Protein backbone atom coordinates (compact mmCIF):
# COMPACT_ATOMS: atom_id res chain seq x y z
CA UNK A 1 3.92 2.46 15.24
CA UNK A 2 3.54 4.71 12.19
CA UNK A 3 0.85 5.26 9.58
CA UNK A 4 1.33 6.32 5.96
CA UNK A 5 -1.16 7.10 3.20
CA UNK A 6 0.13 6.58 -0.35
CA UNK A 7 -1.15 7.02 -3.88
CA UNK A 8 0.40 4.57 -6.34
CA UNK A 9 0.23 5.72 -9.98
CA UNK A 10 0.72 3.68 -13.15
CA UNK A 11 -0.77 0.43 -14.43
CA UNK A 12 -1.76 -0.80 -10.99
CA UNK A 13 -5.43 -1.77 -11.41
CA UNK A 14 -6.46 -5.16 -12.75
CA UNK A 15 -2.95 -6.59 -12.32
CA UNK A 16 -3.16 -8.06 -8.80
CA UNK A 17 -1.47 -5.08 -7.13
CA UNK A 18 -3.89 -4.82 -4.17
CA UNK A 19 -3.91 -8.55 -3.46
CA UNK A 20 -0.13 -8.84 -3.73
CA UNK A 21 0.22 -5.86 -1.41
CA UNK A 22 -2.16 -7.49 1.09
CA UNK A 23 0.01 -10.63 1.16
CA UNK A 24 3.17 -8.56 1.57
CA UNK A 25 1.58 -6.54 4.38
CA UNK A 26 0.36 -9.63 6.21
CA UNK A 27 3.80 -11.23 6.02
CA UNK A 28 5.31 -8.11 7.63
CA UNK A 29 2.60 -7.66 10.27
CA UNK A 30 1.36 -4.39 8.73
CA UNK A 31 -2.32 -3.44 8.82
CA UNK A 32 -4.16 -1.15 6.43
CA UNK A 33 -6.02 -1.12 3.14
CA UNK A 34 -5.68 -0.73 -0.60
CA UNK A 35 -8.45 0.68 -2.79
CA UNK A 36 -8.78 1.43 -6.48
CA UNK A 37 -9.37 5.09 -7.28
CA UNK A 38 -11.43 6.37 -10.22
CA UNK A 39 -8.31 7.92 -11.79
CA UNK A 40 -6.64 4.49 -12.18
CA UNK A 41 -4.34 4.84 -9.16
CA UNK A 42 -4.45 2.79 -5.96
CA UNK A 43 -4.77 4.46 -2.55
CA UNK A 44 -2.89 2.63 0.20
CA UNK A 45 -2.96 3.00 3.98
CA UNK A 46 -0.19 1.27 5.93
CA UNK A 47 0.04 1.05 9.70
CA UNK A 48 2.68 -0.80 11.70
CA UNK A 49 6.27 -0.78 12.85
CA UNK A 50 8.37 1.83 11.04
CA UNK A 51 10.77 -0.60 9.37
CA UNK A 52 7.94 -2.81 8.09
CA UNK A 53 5.92 0.14 6.75
CA UNK A 54 8.96 1.63 5.02
CA UNK A 55 9.69 -1.78 3.49
CA UNK A 56 6.16 -1.86 2.04
CA UNK A 57 6.49 1.68 0.70
CA UNK A 58 9.59 0.49 -1.18
CA UNK A 59 7.68 -2.61 -2.38
CA UNK A 60 4.95 -0.31 -3.75
CA UNK A 61 7.55 1.41 -5.93
CA UNK A 62 7.95 -1.88 -7.84
CA UNK A 63 4.71 -3.79 -7.20
CA UNK A 64 4.07 -7.26 -8.60
CA UNK A 65 5.60 -8.24 -11.95
CA UNK A 66 2.39 -7.49 -13.83
CA UNK A 67 2.23 -3.88 -12.59
CA UNK A 68 3.94 -0.82 -14.06
CA UNK A 69 4.43 1.66 -11.24
CA UNK A 70 5.13 5.18 -12.47
CA UNK A 71 5.37 6.87 -9.09
CA UNK A 72 4.40 6.59 -5.43
CA UNK A 73 3.23 9.68 -3.56
CA UNK A 74 3.36 9.64 0.24
CA UNK A 75 0.40 11.97 0.67
CA UNK A 76 0.36 12.02 4.45
CA UNK A 77 1.93 10.79 7.62
CA UNK A 78 -0.98 10.22 10.00
CA UNK A 79 -1.54 9.18 13.59
CA UNK A 80 -1.96 5.38 13.89
CA UNK A 81 -5.54 4.26 14.58
CA UNK A 82 -4.81 0.73 15.76
CA UNK A 83 -5.95 -0.97 12.55
CA UNK A 84 -6.04 -4.75 12.37
CA UNK A 85 -5.74 -6.82 9.22
CA UNK A 86 -5.52 -5.62 5.64
CA UNK A 87 -8.56 -4.81 3.51
CA UNK A 88 -8.77 -4.57 -0.28
CA UNK A 89 -11.53 -2.57 -1.86
């Protein structure tokens, strides 16, 4: 199990990014959360098997069709907390 915290920059609010990410995470068995930030970015926490988390990090670099992702920062590699489910805020 691994845990990553990301900041996704670009046109990622109001375009279904968080909800699309939640569906992608659930389909891969990854827990975590996605929250809008005041600066227009989305903060993402992903926790699960390494391959699944890395797959979602790559997905975040593209996002859904309606998003325009400029860059994805992996801001930290953290200790897993045993999260369950995926929350959008």
